[in-house]
Protein backbone atom coordinates (compact mmCIF):
# COMPACT_ATOMS: atom_id res chain seq x y z
CA MET A 1 4.30 2.71 -10.08
CA GLU A 2 7.52 1.87 -8.34
CA LYS A 3 10.15 0.12 -10.44
CA HIS A 4 10.94 -2.53 -7.84
CA THR A 5 8.81 -4.50 -5.46
CA ALA A 6 9.56 -6.23 -2.17
CA ARG A 7 7.62 -8.97 -0.44
CA LEU A 8 5.97 -8.16 2.88
CA THR A 9 4.82 -11.07 5.01
CA VAL A 10 2.32 -10.24 7.73
CA LEU A 11 0.76 -12.57 10.27
CA VAL A 12 -2.89 -11.75 10.93
CA ASP A 13 -5.90 -13.36 12.54
CA PRO A 14 -7.55 -15.65 9.96
CA LYS A 15 -11.01 -14.15 10.55
CA LYS A 16 -9.70 -10.61 10.03
CA LYS A 17 -7.92 -11.76 6.87
CA ALA A 18 -11.13 -13.29 5.52
CA ALA A 19 -13.11 -10.13 6.31
CA PHE A 20 -10.43 -7.97 4.65
CA GLU A 21 -10.42 -10.16 1.54
CA LYS A 22 -14.21 -10.00 1.35
CA LEU A 23 -14.22 -6.20 1.64
CA CYS A 24 -11.51 -5.91 -1.02
CA GLY A 25 -13.62 -8.10 -3.30
CA ILE A 26 -16.63 -5.86 -2.78
CA GLU A 27 -14.47 -2.88 -3.82
CA ASP A 28 -13.17 -4.90 -6.82
CA THR A 29 -9.59 -4.48 -5.63
CA THR A 30 -6.92 -6.97 -4.66
CA VAL A 31 -5.58 -7.31 -1.16
CA SER A 32 -2.18 -6.14 -2.42
CA GLN A 33 -3.66 -3.02 -4.02
CA LYS A 34 -5.48 -2.13 -0.81
CA ILE A 35 -2.39 -2.69 1.35
CA ARG A 36 -0.33 -0.45 -0.98
CA GLN A 37 -3.04 2.22 -0.80
CA LEU A 38 -3.14 2.06 3.00
CA MET A 39 0.66 2.27 3.16
CA ARG A 40 0.75 5.33 0.88
CA GLU A 41 -1.94 7.06 2.93
CA TYR A 42 -0.12 6.32 6.20
CA ILE A 43 3.25 7.47 4.86
CA GLU A 44 1.72 10.69 3.53
CA ARG A 45 -0.08 11.36 6.81
CA GLU A 46 3.13 10.86 8.82
CA MET A 47 5.67 12.43 6.43
CA GLY A 48 3.55 15.03 4.64
CA GLU A 49 2.50 15.55 1.05
CA ASN A 50 6.09 15.70 -0.23
CA TRP A 51 6.98 12.28 1.16
CA ARG A 52 7.95 11.00 -2.29
CA ASP A 53 10.90 13.41 -2.36
CA ALA A 54 12.29 11.79 0.80
CA VAL A 55 11.51 8.20 -0.21
CA PHE A 56 12.18 7.94 -3.96
CA ASP A 57 14.95 9.05 -6.27
CA ASN A 58 13.81 11.63 -8.83
CA ASN A 59 13.49 9.02 -11.59
CA GLU A 60 11.47 6.45 -9.65
CA LYS A 61 8.63 8.44 -8.07
CA ASP A 62 5.27 6.73 -7.64
CA ALA A 63 3.02 7.44 -10.61
CA ASP A 64 -0.23 7.68 -8.69
């Protein structure tokens, strides 16, 4: 995992938030874990498979 974290505040429709939380619970994952997964997938899709080289220093690459 990354060495540092940053807070991300997002305003969403309460009903969408509730549905998202319910779906995450069904998958036995937290909302934060799912958001991080979605972010990684989006970054990889837009930047390519070697996105970590452009984003992280050599000693702080994402472990997953």
